[in-house]
Amino acid sequence: MSANSATVWRNWSGAVTAAPQKIVRPQTEQQLSDLVRTAPSPVRMVGSGHSFTPLVASSGTIIDLGAFSGIQAHDHAQSIATVGAGTRLGDLTTLLNDIGQGLPNMGDIDRQTIGGALGTATHGSGLELGAYHTLLRSIRLVDGRGGLREYTLDRDPDMVHAMGVTLGAFGALTSVTLQNRPAYRLRRRRAAIAVGDVLQNFESLMASHRSAEFFLIPFSSHALYLNYDLTDAAPTQRAEESDEEGLATLRMLRNVLKWFPWLRRKLIGSALSRIPPEDFVEDWNKIYVSDRRTRFNEMEYHLPFEEGAPALREILQMMERHFPQVYFPVEVRAVDADEFWLSPFYRRKSCSIAVHHDAKENPRAFFEAAEAIFQRRGGRPHWGKMHNLKADQLAWLYPRFSDAMAVRREIDPENRFISPYLADILEL
């Protein structure tokens, strides 16, 4: 077991820092159990540090679960795989594809660990496709007293539904069993469309494909519309990705034309309208993920699906009237309902709207203005993205919140995993 002391920890964007007494990398479940029982608290687990909230921050102990990685077992006939909770999604896609399996859906970033993605209700897009935690068949974890526990969906549905979205507050995940599907291919199409068409035809555009999403470009009157459908066709050539170059151009135009929105709109809109449509076929493990080198901070809320278009209209108006410094696109996705107690998608199909801000700039005013819109429309925040809600507000948004907290207290009666931040959002 390796350990670092007096180490400063930072998340991916640099917005969250911590000075734990030590950062430890256990190699076995027994070592992890000993740490949970004896290490300075609060004990917090870290994956890739890609959350924007202080879920990992601790003045006690940060446990890196990177050694708990890889496929531990699999069933080819049922497309089931048991994987270490510290497995990074980028590695997991290759490992699963090598055994003929595929995750049914993905987001566009694969740097997270599967444990982190489950813990924060991370998701892709698709009205009939759930977030990562909906794949859970079983979970294995170390509880707050160092005991090893295992729960299966068939035998312990309430426990899995209570802890499927963990926030690292119910225990230290060591492995999970996922219900995957046979490896597959997708046809992806992308085209620029007018924002007016997005808002007018929002529900049909989202529902008419297996998966669909929008990137609304501020100060452009345009959006990029991406959709995905299953296919048996052979892979085809795809254009070289240029998202980072496009983002750099948007930043440059923001800097030069921040106080000339009409000219900014004309130039960006004209450029987007000339982008040729994209249409290609690729294996599932190569098609979802995009290059994300530019550091940013992010806020994402999940709204009742029918509130998606009205909220987007408000968000765009707010951005363009009051925040000329914003240049990142607004990401819009759809997610199916599920039964997990702390899932933002609990028993409702949702429209997910994410706003971003350059990591080198202060996002507070912009995010607070966006959050006010999200809250008015019944939004539930993404657990890993910036928000300002406390436990009493979250309890009102989640019908099974109190039930989940009762399970949490049974799993961790001495609050070994509870940092001051977690106390703010979980303890009533």
Protein backbone atom coordinates (compact mmCIF):
# COMPACT_ATOMS: atom_id res chain seq x y z
CA MET A 1 0.00 0.00 0.00
CA SER A 2 1.44 3.36 -1.04
CA ALA A 3 0.80 6.63 0.76
CA ASN A 4 1.58 10.31 0.39
CA SER A 5 1.47 12.76 3.30
CA ALA A 6 1.09 16.57 3.36
CA THR A 7 -0.13 16.45 -0.24
CA VAL A 8 -2.41 19.00 -1.87
CA TRP A 9 -5.11 17.39 -3.99
CA ARG A 10 -6.88 19.19 -6.87
CA ASN A 11 -9.74 18.16 -9.08
CA TRP A 12 -9.53 18.19 -12.87
CA SER A 13 -10.64 21.81 -13.30
CA GLY A 14 -8.59 23.13 -10.39
CA ALA A 15 -11.66 24.60 -8.67
CA VAL A 16 -11.58 22.13 -5.75
CA THR A 17 -8.50 21.67 -3.58
CA ALA A 18 -7.86 19.72 -0.39
CA ALA A 19 -4.99 19.25 2.03
CA PRO A 20 -5.56 15.78 3.50
CA GLN A 21 -3.30 14.31 6.13
CA LYS A 22 -2.57 11.57 3.64
CA ILE A 23 -3.52 10.14 0.27
CA VAL A 24 -3.43 6.35 0.28
CA ARG A 25 -3.64 3.72 -2.46
CA PRO A 26 -4.70 0.36 -1.00
CA GLN A 27 -4.08 -2.75 -3.06
CA THR A 28 -6.52 -5.16 -1.42
CA GLU A 29 -9.94 -5.12 0.22
CA GLN A 30 -8.29 -5.94 3.55
CA GLN A 31 -6.03 -2.89 3.29
CA LEU A 32 -9.04 -0.78 2.35
CA SER A 33 -11.00 -2.15 5.31
CA ASP A 34 -8.15 -1.30 7.70
CA LEU A 35 -7.94 2.24 6.32
CA VAL A 36 -11.65 2.87 6.65
CA ARG A 37 -11.49 1.80 10.30
CA THR A 38 -8.29 3.54 11.37
CA ALA A 39 -7.27 6.34 8.98
CA PRO A 40 -7.89 9.98 9.94
CA SER A 41 -11.42 10.98 9.00
CA PRO A 42 -13.24 12.06 7.00
CA VAL A 43 -12.34 9.22 4.67
CA ARG A 44 -13.08 10.11 1.07
CA MET A 45 -12.59 8.08 -2.10
CA VAL A 46 -11.18 9.52 -5.32
CA GLY A 47 -11.50 8.32 -8.89
CA SER A 48 -10.25 10.64 -11.62
CA GLY A 49 -11.17 13.91 -9.90
CA HIS A 50 -13.57 14.87 -12.67
CA SER A 51 -16.36 16.07 -10.37
CA PHE A 52 -16.74 19.81 -9.89
CA THR A 53 -18.25 19.62 -6.40
CA PRO A 54 -16.08 18.99 -3.28
CA LEU A 55 -17.11 15.34 -2.98
CA VAL A 56 -13.50 14.20 -2.54
CA ALA A 57 -12.22 17.11 -0.45
CA SER A 58 -11.05 15.98 3.00
CA SER A 59 -8.76 17.19 5.75
CA GLY A 60 -8.37 13.55 6.81
CA THR A 61 -7.74 10.76 4.31
CA ILE A 62 -8.24 10.49 0.56
CA ILE A 63 -8.26 6.93 -0.74
CA ASP A 64 -7.29 6.33 -4.36
CA LEU A 65 -9.09 3.20 -5.55
CA GLY A 66 -7.09 2.90 -8.77
CA ALA A 67 -5.81 -0.56 -7.80
CA PHE A 68 -9.38 -1.90 -7.90
CA SER A 69 -9.59 -2.02 -11.67
CA GLY A 70 -10.17 -4.36 -14.56
CA ILE A 71 -12.71 -7.06 -15.37
CA GLN A 72 -12.94 -9.63 -12.59
CA ALA A 73 -15.54 -11.96 -14.13
CA HIS A 74 -18.00 -12.00 -17.01
CA ASP A 75 -20.84 -14.00 -18.49
CA HIS A 76 -20.85 -13.93 -22.27
CA ALA A 77 -24.35 -15.34 -22.69
CA GLN A 78 -25.95 -12.75 -20.42
CA SER A 79 -23.60 -9.84 -21.28
CA ILE A 80 -22.76 -9.34 -17.61
CA ALA A 81 -19.38 -8.19 -16.31
CA THR A 82 -18.00 -7.64 -12.82
CA VAL A 83 -15.45 -4.83 -12.81
CA GLY A 84 -13.30 -3.04 -10.27
CA ALA A 85 -14.79 0.24 -9.09
CA GLY A 86 -11.56 2.09 -9.91
CA THR A 87 -11.65 1.13 -13.59
CA ARG A 88 -11.57 4.19 -15.82
CA LEU A 89 -14.30 4.31 -18.40
CA GLY A 90 -11.82 4.72 -21.23
CA ASP A 91 -10.15 1.47 -20.21
CA LEU A 92 -13.46 -0.24 -19.52
CA THR A 93 -14.74 0.31 -23.05
CA THR A 94 -11.74 -1.51 -24.50
CA LEU A 95 -11.93 -4.33 -21.97
CA LEU A 96 -15.64 -4.88 -22.56
CA ASN A 97 -15.34 -4.72 -26.33
CA ASP A 98 -12.59 -7.35 -26.20
CA ILE A 99 -15.05 -9.80 -24.59
CA GLY A 100 -17.88 -8.89 -26.98
CA GLN A 101 -19.80 -6.62 -24.61
CA GLY A 102 -20.76 -2.96 -24.73
CA LEU A 103 -22.11 -0.35 -22.34
CA PRO A 104 -25.62 0.43 -23.63
CA ASN A 105 -24.88 4.16 -23.52
CA MET A 106 -22.14 6.62 -22.58
CA GLY A 107 -21.48 10.26 -21.97
CA ASP A 108 -18.91 12.15 -24.02
CA ILE A 109 -16.13 11.99 -21.40
CA ASP A 110 -14.41 8.73 -20.44
CA ARG A 111 -11.87 9.91 -17.87
CA GLN A 112 -14.09 9.05 -14.89
CA THR A 113 -13.84 5.78 -13.03
CA ILE A 114 -16.92 3.57 -13.07
CA GLY A 115 -17.24 4.05 -9.30
CA GLY A 116 -17.19 7.83 -9.69
CA ALA A 117 -19.66 7.73 -12.56
CA LEU A 118 -22.04 5.59 -10.52
CA GLY A 119 -21.60 7.74 -7.45
CA THR A 120 -22.63 10.94 -9.20
CA ALA A 121 -25.39 9.60 -11.52
CA THR A 122 -23.33 10.32 -14.63
CA HIS A 123 -25.18 9.63 -17.88
CA GLY A 124 -25.33 9.83 -21.64
CA SER A 125 -28.37 10.81 -23.69
CA GLY A 126 -31.46 8.92 -24.82
CA LEU A 127 -35.10 9.10 -23.74
CA GLU A 128 -35.21 5.32 -23.36
CA LEU A 129 -31.65 4.97 -21.99
CA GLY A 130 -30.77 5.23 -18.31
CA ALA A 131 -27.71 6.59 -16.53
CA TYR A 132 -24.76 4.32 -15.67
CA HIS A 133 -26.25 3.26 -12.33
CA THR A 134 -29.22 1.63 -14.07
CA LEU A 135 -26.80 -1.07 -15.27
CA LEU A 136 -26.12 -2.27 -11.74
CA ARG A 137 -26.76 -5.92 -10.94
CA SER A 138 -24.67 -6.03 -7.76
CA ILE A 139 -22.37 -3.88 -5.63
CA ARG A 140 -19.53 -4.81 -3.30
CA LEU A 141 -18.27 -2.29 -0.75
CA VAL A 142 -16.49 -1.67 2.54
CA ASP A 143 -18.84 -0.07 5.06
CA GLY A 144 -18.06 2.59 7.66
CA ARG A 145 -16.82 0.04 10.20
CA GLY A 146 -14.55 -1.73 7.75
CA GLY A 147 -16.94 -4.59 7.05
CA LEU A 148 -17.30 -6.07 3.58
CA ARG A 149 -20.83 -6.07 2.17
CA GLU A 150 -22.35 -7.28 -1.09
CA TYR A 151 -25.83 -6.62 -2.41
CA THR A 152 -27.53 -7.89 -5.55
CA LEU A 153 -30.46 -6.37 -7.37
CA ASP A 154 -32.36 -9.66 -7.39
CA ARG A 155 -31.97 -10.30 -3.68
CA ASP A 156 -31.63 -6.78 -2.23
CA PRO A 157 -33.43 -4.35 -4.55
CA ASP A 158 -33.99 -1.68 -1.90
CA MET A 159 -30.33 -1.62 -0.88
CA VAL A 160 -29.12 -1.38 -4.47
CA HIS A 161 -31.66 1.35 -5.24
CA ALA A 162 -30.68 3.20 -2.06
CA MET A 163 -26.93 3.03 -2.73
CA GLY A 164 -26.68 2.88 -6.51
CA VAL A 165 -25.97 6.63 -6.52
CA THR A 166 -23.50 6.64 -3.63
CA LEU A 167 -21.72 10.04 -3.54
CA GLY A 168 -19.08 8.00 -1.74
CA ALA A 169 -21.21 8.40 1.39
CA PHE A 170 -22.49 4.83 1.75
CA GLY A 171 -19.17 3.04 1.64
CA ALA A 172 -16.07 2.44 -0.44
CA LEU A 173 -17.03 0.54 -3.59
CA THR A 174 -14.60 -2.18 -4.58
CA SER A 175 -16.46 -3.82 -7.49
CA VAL A 176 -19.77 -3.73 -9.34
CA THR A 177 -21.56 -6.09 -11.69
CA LEU A 178 -23.02 -4.41 -14.76
CA GLN A 179 -25.77 -5.52 -17.12
CA ASN A 180 -24.27 -4.71 -20.49
CA ARG A 181 -25.34 -5.71 -24.01
CA PRO A 182 -23.58 -7.40 -26.92
CA ALA A 183 -21.08 -5.12 -28.64
CA TYR A 184 -22.74 -2.98 -31.31
CA ARG A 185 -22.30 -0.22 -33.86
CA LEU A 186 -23.92 3.17 -34.17
CA ARG A 187 -24.55 5.56 -37.00
CA ARG A 188 -23.84 9.13 -35.88
CA ARG A 189 -25.11 12.20 -37.67
CA ARG A 190 -24.36 15.81 -36.83
CA ALA A 191 -25.69 18.99 -38.41
CA ALA A 192 -26.08 22.66 -37.57
CA ILE A 193 -29.70 23.75 -37.14
CA ALA A 194 -31.39 26.99 -36.13
CA VAL A 195 -32.07 27.46 -32.43
CA GLY A 196 -35.67 28.33 -33.29
CA ASP A 197 -36.11 24.87 -34.81
CA VAL A 198 -34.60 23.28 -31.70
CA LEU A 199 -37.05 25.02 -29.40
CA GLN A 200 -40.07 24.46 -31.63
CA ASN A 201 -39.39 20.77 -32.33
CA PHE A 202 -37.50 19.87 -29.17
CA GLU A 203 -39.48 16.80 -28.09
CA SER A 204 -39.64 15.21 -31.55
CA LEU A 205 -35.94 15.82 -32.23
CA MET A 206 -35.03 14.15 -28.94
CA ALA A 207 -37.45 11.24 -29.35
CA SER A 208 -36.95 10.32 -33.00
CA HIS A 209 -33.57 8.56 -32.53
CA ARG A 210 -32.08 6.06 -30.11
CA SER A 211 -30.00 8.90 -28.72
CA ALA A 212 -29.88 12.62 -29.46
CA GLU A 213 -28.30 15.73 -27.98
CA PHE A 214 -27.77 19.40 -28.74
CA PHE A 215 -24.92 21.83 -28.27
CA LEU A 216 -26.42 25.31 -28.35
CA ILE A 217 -23.81 27.87 -29.35
CA PRO A 218 -24.28 31.21 -27.55
CA PHE A 219 -24.47 34.33 -29.70
CA SER A 220 -25.00 32.34 -32.88
CA SER A 221 -28.73 31.47 -33.19
CA HIS A 222 -27.55 27.95 -34.06
CA ALA A 223 -27.05 24.59 -32.41
CA LEU A 224 -25.22 21.41 -33.33
CA TYR A 225 -27.65 18.49 -33.32
CA LEU A 226 -26.20 14.99 -32.88
CA ASN A 227 -28.16 11.76 -33.13
CA TYR A 228 -27.23 8.08 -32.92
CA ASP A 229 -28.97 4.92 -34.14
CA LEU A 230 -28.09 1.23 -34.08
CA THR A 231 -26.82 -0.22 -37.33
CA ASP A 232 -25.29 -3.40 -38.77
CA ALA A 233 -23.37 -1.44 -41.40
CA ALA A 234 -19.59 -1.57 -41.58
CA PRO A 235 -17.57 1.29 -40.02
CA THR A 236 -17.01 4.25 -42.32
CA GLN A 237 -14.49 7.05 -42.42
CA ARG A 238 -15.11 9.96 -40.07
CA ALA A 239 -13.79 13.46 -40.26
CA GLU A 240 -11.02 14.45 -37.87
CA GLU A 241 -12.49 15.89 -34.68
CA SER A 242 -12.20 19.66 -34.42
CA ASP A 243 -14.16 20.46 -31.25
CA GLU A 244 -11.17 21.99 -29.48
CA GLU A 245 -10.33 24.17 -32.47
CA GLY A 246 -13.96 25.31 -32.64
CA LEU A 247 -13.95 26.16 -28.95
CA ALA A 248 -10.75 28.18 -29.39
CA THR A 249 -12.44 30.13 -32.19
CA LEU A 250 -15.47 30.86 -30.00
CA ARG A 251 -13.15 32.10 -27.25
CA MET A 252 -11.27 34.33 -29.68
CA LEU A 253 -14.49 35.87 -31.02
CA ARG A 254 -15.69 36.39 -27.46
CA ASN A 255 -12.49 38.26 -26.61
CA VAL A 256 -12.58 40.43 -29.72
CA LEU A 257 -16.31 41.02 -30.07
CA LYS A 258 -17.67 40.73 -26.52
CA TRP A 259 -19.33 44.15 -26.75
CA PHE A 260 -20.53 43.71 -30.33
CA PRO A 261 -23.04 40.85 -30.01
CA TRP A 262 -24.66 41.53 -33.38
CA LEU A 263 -21.34 41.07 -35.20
CA ARG A 264 -20.43 38.09 -33.04
CA ARG A 265 -23.75 36.48 -33.91
CA LYS A 266 -23.30 37.16 -37.61
CA LEU A 267 -19.80 35.69 -37.78
CA ILE A 268 -20.48 32.61 -35.65
CA GLY A 269 -23.85 31.93 -37.25
CA SER A 270 -22.39 32.23 -40.72
CA ALA A 271 -19.56 29.83 -39.89
CA LEU A 272 -21.91 27.27 -38.33
CA SER A 273 -24.32 27.37 -41.25
CA ARG A 274 -21.44 26.36 -43.55
CA ILE A 275 -20.40 23.32 -41.50
CA PRO A 276 -21.03 20.24 -43.66
CA PRO A 277 -23.26 17.57 -42.14
CA GLU A 278 -21.45 14.65 -40.55
CA ASP A 279 -22.57 11.05 -41.05
CA PHE A 280 -20.51 7.97 -40.16
CA VAL A 281 -20.68 4.49 -38.62
CA GLU A 282 -18.37 3.32 -35.84
CA ASP A 283 -18.07 0.68 -33.11
CA TRP A 284 -19.74 1.66 -29.84
CA ASN A 285 -16.47 2.08 -27.95
CA LYS A 286 -15.15 4.65 -30.43
CA ILE A 287 -18.17 6.84 -31.09
CA TYR A 288 -19.39 8.48 -27.90
CA VAL A 289 -16.32 10.22 -26.50
CA SER A 290 -15.07 13.66 -27.54
CA ASP A 291 -11.75 15.37 -26.95
CA ARG A 292 -11.92 17.67 -23.91
CA ARG A 293 -8.62 19.43 -23.34
CA THR A 294 -9.84 22.92 -22.44
CA ARG A 295 -10.45 23.05 -18.68
CA PHE A 296 -13.84 24.24 -17.54
CA ASN A 297 -16.25 24.25 -14.63
CA GLU A 298 -19.77 22.99 -15.10
CA MET A 299 -23.28 23.17 -13.68
CA GLU A 300 -25.90 20.68 -14.84
CA TYR A 301 -29.50 20.28 -13.79
CA HIS A 302 -31.99 17.58 -14.70
CA LEU A 303 -35.49 18.93 -15.35
CA PRO A 304 -38.81 17.23 -16.07
CA PHE A 305 -38.53 16.55 -19.79
CA GLU A 306 -41.42 18.83 -20.70
CA GLU A 307 -39.59 21.74 -19.05
CA GLY A 308 -36.58 21.36 -21.34
CA ALA A 309 -37.47 23.71 -24.19
CA PRO A 310 -38.92 26.50 -21.99
CA ALA A 311 -35.87 26.38 -19.72
CA LEU A 312 -33.51 26.51 -22.70
CA ARG A 313 -35.25 29.59 -24.02
CA GLU A 314 -34.73 31.31 -20.68
CA ILE A 315 -31.12 30.19 -20.39
CA LEU A 316 -30.22 31.52 -23.83
CA GLN A 317 -31.94 34.85 -23.22
CA MET A 318 -30.22 35.23 -19.86
CA MET A 319 -26.80 34.42 -21.32
CA GLU A 320 -27.04 36.74 -24.27
CA ARG A 321 -28.51 39.67 -22.30
CA HIS A 322 -26.28 39.58 -19.25
CA PHE A 323 -23.21 37.38 -19.77
CA PRO A 324 -21.26 38.29 -22.92
CA GLN A 325 -18.18 36.58 -21.44
CA VAL A 326 -19.74 33.13 -21.95
CA TYR A 327 -18.59 31.21 -25.01
CA PHE A 328 -18.96 27.52 -24.12
CA PRO A 329 -21.90 25.73 -25.77
CA VAL A 330 -24.89 24.66 -23.67
CA GLU A 331 -25.13 20.85 -23.67
CA VAL A 332 -28.64 19.38 -23.76
CA ARG A 333 -29.45 15.69 -23.29
CA ALA A 334 -32.34 13.40 -22.32
CA VAL A 335 -32.31 10.55 -19.79
CA ASP A 336 -34.84 7.83 -18.99
CA ALA A 337 -36.53 7.51 -15.59
CA ASP A 338 -35.29 5.00 -13.00
CA GLU A 339 -35.95 3.71 -9.48
CA PHE A 340 -32.75 4.72 -7.69
CA TRP A 341 -33.51 6.80 -4.63
CA LEU A 342 -30.84 9.49 -5.06
CA SER A 343 -30.95 9.49 -8.84
CA PRO A 344 -31.84 12.86 -10.39
CA PHE A 345 -33.94 10.78 -12.80
CA TYR A 346 -35.96 9.09 -10.07
CA ARG A 347 -39.34 8.24 -11.63
CA ARG A 348 -39.23 10.93 -14.30
CA LYS A 349 -37.84 11.24 -17.80
CA SER A 350 -35.52 14.20 -17.76
CA CYS A 351 -33.96 16.89 -19.88
CA SER A 352 -30.41 17.56 -18.74
CA ILE A 353 -29.04 21.04 -19.36
CA ALA A 354 -25.37 21.75 -18.69
CA VAL A 355 -23.73 25.17 -18.71
CA HIS A 356 -19.96 25.58 -18.72
CA HIS A 357 -17.48 28.31 -17.90
CA ASP A 358 -13.76 28.67 -18.59
CA ALA A 359 -11.84 27.28 -15.59
CA LYS A 360 -9.63 30.37 -15.59
CA GLU A 361 -12.62 32.65 -15.01
CA ASN A 362 -15.05 33.02 -12.10
CA PRO A 363 -18.34 31.26 -12.96
CA ARG A 364 -20.29 32.29 -9.86
CA ALA A 365 -22.60 35.02 -11.22
CA PHE A 366 -23.41 33.10 -14.40
CA PHE A 367 -24.04 29.82 -12.61
CA GLU A 368 -26.25 31.46 -9.97
CA ALA A 369 -28.39 33.06 -12.69
CA ALA A 370 -28.71 29.71 -14.49
CA GLU A 371 -29.46 27.87 -11.25
CA ALA A 372 -32.38 30.19 -10.50
CA ILE A 373 -33.97 29.15 -13.81
CA PHE A 374 -33.30 25.46 -13.19
CA GLN A 375 -34.79 25.61 -9.70
CA ARG A 376 -37.97 27.39 -10.83
CA ARG A 377 -38.59 24.51 -13.22
CA GLY A 378 -38.11 21.69 -10.73
CA GLY A 379 -34.54 20.79 -11.63
CA ARG A 380 -32.43 18.34 -9.66
CA PRO A 381 -28.68 19.04 -9.74
CA HIS A 382 -26.08 16.66 -11.08
CA TRP A 383 -24.26 15.44 -7.97
CA GLY A 384 -20.85 15.94 -9.55
CA LYS A 385 -21.49 19.40 -11.02
CA MET A 386 -21.55 22.77 -9.25
CA HIS A 387 -24.73 23.67 -7.38
CA ASN A 388 -25.70 25.52 -4.21
CA LEU A 389 -28.45 23.34 -2.74
CA LYS A 390 -28.46 22.08 0.84
CA ALA A 391 -30.00 19.01 2.46
CA ASP A 392 -33.42 20.56 3.15
CA GLN A 393 -33.82 21.62 -0.50
CA LEU A 394 -32.59 18.27 -1.79
CA ALA A 395 -34.93 16.37 0.52
CA TRP A 396 -37.84 18.23 -1.05
CA LEU A 397 -36.68 17.23 -4.55
CA TYR A 398 -36.10 13.54 -3.78
CA PRO A 399 -39.13 11.56 -2.50
CA ARG A 400 -36.90 8.81 -1.02
CA PHE A 401 -34.24 11.13 0.41
CA SER A 402 -34.99 10.33 4.07
CA ASP A 403 -35.13 6.61 3.30
CA ALA A 404 -31.73 6.79 1.61
CA MET A 405 -30.27 8.64 4.60
CA ALA A 406 -31.58 5.96 6.96
CA VAL A 407 -29.69 3.35 4.91
CA ARG A 408 -26.61 5.54 4.90
CA ARG A 409 -26.61 5.82 8.70
CA GLU A 410 -26.92 2.03 8.99
CA ILE A 411 -23.96 1.54 6.63
CA ASP A 412 -21.81 4.25 8.24
CA PRO A 413 -23.11 4.86 11.79
CA GLU A 414 -19.99 6.75 12.87
CA ASN A 415 -19.97 9.05 9.81
CA ARG A 416 -16.50 7.97 8.73
CA PHE A 417 -17.25 8.99 5.14
CA ILE A 418 -18.98 12.31 5.93
CA SER A 419 -17.02 15.47 5.22
CA PRO A 420 -18.37 18.94 6.06
CA TYR A 421 -19.55 19.30 2.46
CA LEU A 422 -21.44 16.01 2.56
CA ALA A 423 -22.98 16.98 5.90
CA ASP A 424 -24.33 20.13 4.25
CA ILE A 425 -26.05 18.26 1.42
CA LEU A 426 -27.09 15.04 3.19
CA GLU A 427 -27.70 15.69 6.88
CA LEU A 428 -31.09 17.24 7.72
